Every structure is written in C-alpha cells, then in structure tokens.
N, C-alpha and C. Protein backbone atom coordinates (compact mmCIF):
# COMPACT_ATOMS: atom_id res chain seq x y z
N MET A 1 -62.79 -60.01 -97.18
CA MET A 1 -62.14 -61.06 -96.92
C MET A 1 -60.41 -60.97 -96.91
N THR A 2 -60.11 -60.04 -98.04
CA THR A 2 -58.56 -59.68 -98.09
C THR A 2 -58.23 -58.69 -96.86
N ARG A 3 -58.81 -57.68 -96.12
CA ARG A 3 -58.58 -57.49 -95.33
C ARG A 3 -58.43 -58.07 -93.92
N PHE A 4 -59.26 -58.85 -93.75
CA PHE A 4 -59.29 -60.05 -92.72
C PHE A 4 -57.52 -60.62 -92.75
N PHE A 5 -57.12 -61.26 -94.18
CA PHE A 5 -56.15 -61.72 -93.95
C PHE A 5 -54.99 -60.73 -93.96
N PHE A 6 -55.00 -59.41 -94.22
CA PHE A 6 -54.20 -58.39 -93.74
C PHE A 6 -54.01 -57.91 -92.56
N ILE A 7 -55.28 -58.00 -92.03
CA ILE A 7 -55.42 -57.72 -90.31
C ILE A 7 -54.40 -59.27 -89.24
N VAL A 8 -54.89 -60.25 -89.62
CA VAL A 8 -54.38 -61.28 -89.41
C VAL A 8 -52.71 -61.14 -89.27
N SER A 9 -52.31 -61.02 -90.92
CA SER A 9 -50.88 -61.43 -91.06
C SER A 9 -50.10 -60.14 -90.29
N PHE A 10 -50.62 -58.73 -89.84
CA PHE A 10 -49.81 -57.82 -89.41
C PHE A 10 -49.97 -58.28 -88.02
N ILE A 11 -50.93 -58.67 -87.47
CA ILE A 11 -50.92 -59.04 -86.21
C ILE A 11 -49.92 -60.14 -85.72
N LEU A 12 -49.75 -60.97 -86.41
CA LEU A 12 -48.45 -61.97 -86.71
C LEU A 12 -47.00 -61.60 -86.61
N TYR A 13 -47.06 -60.60 -88.01
CA TYR A 13 -46.25 -59.90 -87.82
C TYR A 13 -45.38 -59.33 -86.55
N ALA A 14 -46.61 -58.44 -86.02
CA ALA A 14 -46.19 -57.47 -84.89
C ALA A 14 -45.94 -58.32 -83.55
N SER A 15 -46.51 -59.28 -83.77
CA SER A 15 -46.12 -60.21 -82.49
C SER A 15 -45.17 -61.01 -82.33
N GLY A 16 -44.13 -61.22 -83.76
CA GLY A 16 -42.76 -61.79 -83.98
C GLY A 16 -43.59 -63.40 -84.21
N ALA A 17 -44.73 -63.45 -84.38
CA ALA A 17 -45.28 -65.10 -84.81
C ALA A 17 -44.98 -65.37 -85.97
N ALA A 18 -45.19 -64.27 -86.91
CA ALA A 18 -44.89 -64.75 -88.67
C ALA A 18 -43.60 -65.39 -88.50
N ALA A 19 -42.39 -65.08 -88.06
CA ALA A 19 -41.15 -65.62 -88.22
C ALA A 19 -41.09 -66.95 -87.90
N GLN A 20 -42.03 -67.70 -86.86
CA GLN A 20 -42.29 -68.79 -86.40
C GLN A 20 -43.62 -69.68 -87.34
N GLN A 21 -44.41 -69.06 -88.13
CA GLN A 21 -45.35 -69.72 -88.88
C GLN A 21 -44.96 -69.98 -90.18
N PRO A 22 -45.39 -71.38 -90.40
CA PRO A 22 -44.73 -71.35 -92.22
C PRO A 22 -45.89 -70.36 -92.74
N GLY A 23 -46.14 -70.18 -93.50
CA GLY A 23 -47.03 -69.16 -94.60
C GLY A 23 -46.95 -68.03 -93.63
N HIS A 24 -48.08 -67.34 -94.49
CA HIS A 24 -48.36 -65.80 -93.75
C HIS A 24 -49.61 -65.99 -93.04
N ASP A 25 -50.59 -67.05 -93.08
CA ASP A 25 -51.66 -66.74 -91.90
C ASP A 25 -52.27 -68.42 -91.99
N ALA A 26 -51.97 -68.54 -90.36
CA ALA A 26 -52.34 -69.76 -89.78
C ALA A 26 -53.71 -69.94 -89.82
N CYS A 27 -54.36 -69.15 -90.17
CA CYS A 27 -56.13 -69.60 -90.29
C CYS A 27 -56.52 -69.26 -91.72
N ALA A 28 -55.40 -69.40 -92.80
CA ALA A 28 -56.51 -68.87 -94.24
C ALA A 28 -56.88 -70.47 -94.41
N ARG A 29 -56.38 -71.39 -94.15
CA ARG A 29 -57.05 -72.76 -94.57
C ARG A 29 -58.56 -73.00 -93.91
N ASP A 30 -58.55 -72.82 -92.54
CA ASP A 30 -59.62 -72.72 -91.59
C ASP A 30 -60.39 -72.02 -92.10
N VAL A 31 -60.26 -70.18 -92.27
CA VAL A 31 -61.40 -69.85 -92.98
C VAL A 31 -62.03 -70.32 -94.28
N THR A 32 -61.20 -70.71 -94.92
CA THR A 32 -61.65 -71.20 -96.56
C THR A 32 -62.80 -72.50 -96.38
N ARG A 33 -61.95 -73.05 -95.59
CA ARG A 33 -62.79 -74.53 -95.01
C ARG A 33 -64.09 -74.26 -94.32
N PHE A 34 -64.14 -73.68 -93.07
CA PHE A 34 -65.32 -73.35 -92.32
C PHE A 34 -66.30 -71.93 -92.29
N CYS A 35 -65.81 -71.29 -92.85
CA CYS A 35 -66.37 -69.78 -92.86
C CYS A 35 -66.64 -69.27 -94.38
N ARG A 36 -66.32 -69.78 -95.38
CA ARG A 36 -66.61 -69.53 -96.71
C ARG A 36 -67.82 -68.61 -97.16
N PRO A 37 -69.12 -68.90 -96.46
CA PRO A 37 -70.01 -68.29 -96.55
C PRO A 37 -70.05 -66.84 -96.23
N VAL A 38 -69.22 -66.92 -95.07
CA VAL A 38 -69.20 -65.35 -94.46
C VAL A 38 -67.92 -64.67 -94.65
N MET A 39 -67.28 -64.91 -95.67
CA MET A 39 -66.09 -64.32 -95.62
C MET A 39 -66.18 -63.14 -96.69
N ASN A 40 -67.23 -62.68 -97.45
CA ASN A 40 -67.54 -61.47 -97.51
C ASN A 40 -68.29 -60.63 -96.63
N ASN A 41 -68.77 -60.95 -95.50
CA ASN A 41 -69.54 -60.19 -94.49
C ASN A 41 -68.80 -59.58 -93.20
N GLY A 42 -67.11 -59.47 -93.64
CA GLY A 42 -66.36 -58.28 -92.49
C GLY A 42 -65.65 -59.42 -91.78
N ASP A 43 -64.54 -59.04 -91.56
CA ASP A 43 -64.18 -59.62 -90.38
C ASP A 43 -64.41 -60.20 -89.35
N GLN A 44 -65.57 -59.26 -88.57
CA GLN A 44 -66.21 -59.89 -87.18
C GLN A 44 -66.54 -60.92 -87.71
N ALA A 45 -67.50 -61.05 -88.66
CA ALA A 45 -68.30 -62.14 -89.41
C ALA A 45 -67.48 -63.40 -88.80
N VAL A 46 -66.23 -63.17 -89.69
CA VAL A 46 -65.33 -64.55 -90.11
C VAL A 46 -64.58 -64.55 -88.49
N LEU A 47 -64.37 -63.87 -88.15
CA LEU A 47 -63.91 -63.66 -86.78
C LEU A 47 -64.73 -64.82 -85.79
N ALA A 48 -66.04 -64.34 -85.67
CA ALA A 48 -67.36 -65.14 -85.03
C ALA A 48 -67.18 -66.67 -85.72
N CYS A 49 -67.13 -66.84 -86.96
CA CYS A 49 -67.60 -68.06 -87.09
C CYS A 49 -66.27 -69.09 -86.63
N LEU A 50 -65.06 -68.56 -86.77
CA LEU A 50 -63.58 -69.12 -86.54
C LEU A 50 -64.04 -69.64 -84.83
N LYS A 51 -64.55 -68.70 -84.27
CA LYS A 51 -64.90 -68.89 -82.84
C LYS A 51 -65.81 -70.15 -82.77
N GLN A 52 -66.65 -69.99 -83.40
CA GLN A 52 -68.09 -71.26 -83.30
C GLN A 52 -67.24 -72.46 -83.77
N ASN A 53 -66.39 -72.34 -84.67
CA ASN A 53 -65.68 -73.50 -85.46
C ASN A 53 -64.53 -74.12 -84.37
N ARG A 54 -64.45 -73.29 -83.24
CA ARG A 54 -63.30 -73.38 -82.63
C ARG A 54 -62.70 -74.99 -82.42
N THR A 55 -63.10 -76.08 -81.80
CA THR A 55 -63.16 -77.13 -81.53
C THR A 55 -62.42 -78.16 -82.93
N ARG A 56 -62.73 -77.49 -84.38
CA ARG A 56 -62.87 -77.82 -85.50
C ARG A 56 -61.28 -77.35 -86.12
N LEU A 57 -60.73 -75.89 -85.64
CA LEU A 57 -59.65 -75.14 -86.41
C LEU A 57 -58.49 -75.80 -85.93
N SER A 58 -57.45 -75.67 -86.85
CA SER A 58 -56.08 -76.08 -86.92
C SER A 58 -55.39 -75.76 -85.54
N LYS A 59 -54.61 -76.39 -84.98
CA LYS A 59 -53.89 -75.93 -84.00
C LYS A 59 -53.08 -74.86 -83.93
N GLY A 60 -52.52 -74.33 -85.14
CA GLY A 60 -51.81 -72.95 -86.09
C GLY A 60 -53.11 -71.77 -85.86
N CYS A 61 -54.06 -72.21 -85.79
CA CYS A 61 -54.92 -71.16 -85.84
C CYS A 61 -55.84 -71.26 -84.21
N ASP A 62 -55.51 -71.77 -83.64
CA ASP A 62 -56.18 -71.89 -82.79
C ASP A 62 -55.61 -71.24 -81.64
N LYS A 63 -54.03 -71.16 -81.88
CA LYS A 63 -53.15 -70.71 -81.42
C LYS A 63 -52.74 -69.01 -81.44
N VAL A 64 -52.96 -68.78 -82.39
CA VAL A 64 -53.21 -67.26 -82.79
C VAL A 64 -54.52 -66.77 -82.01
N LEU A 65 -55.58 -67.28 -82.25
CA LEU A 65 -56.73 -66.84 -81.45
C LEU A 65 -56.30 -66.59 -80.23
N THR A 66 -55.97 -67.66 -79.58
CA THR A 66 -56.03 -67.71 -77.80
C THR A 66 -54.56 -66.69 -77.67
N GLU A 67 -53.53 -66.45 -78.25
CA GLU A 67 -52.38 -65.49 -78.22
C GLU A 67 -53.38 -63.84 -78.14
N HIS A 68 -54.09 -63.50 -78.70
CA HIS A 68 -54.61 -62.38 -79.04
C HIS A 68 -56.40 -62.42 -78.65
N GLY A 69 -56.20 -62.95 -77.35
CA GLY A 69 -57.23 -62.97 -76.79
C GLY A 69 -58.88 -63.20 -77.48
N GLN A 70 -58.64 -63.78 -78.00
CA GLN A 70 -59.78 -64.67 -78.69
C GLN A 70 -60.35 -65.95 -78.18
C-alpha cells in the first residue's frame, strides 16, 4: 500500500500536478474508502479496484487516473 501511494505521488510530482493538488495524493481517500480490502494485494489490485469504482471516485482521483491513461 505504501508503495502505491509512493507511485501515485511520484507520478503526480513528475507530471507537475502535485503542485496543483491539495495534499500529496488525490486518490488516498478513495483508496481508503473503496479499496481497503485489497490494499495489501499490490498496486495492480488497488488500481483495478479504483477502476471498478470509477463512478464513485472523487473528481481529483478520477482526473489523475484519466491523465495517466487509466
């Protein structure tokens, strides 16, 4: 899970979006809310969970996923 936050944070930083986002991770709350059961199953499981819950995600998280081809 920590690795997931690191990867998303790194992507945000590298894309320049980190300066525009309040906080370090636009998807942290969504991951905690919708994907808690799979948090320890690796990045791909969390990403799949976020995609599965796409219609319920915050606008910020949805935007991050969209900007990164997800």
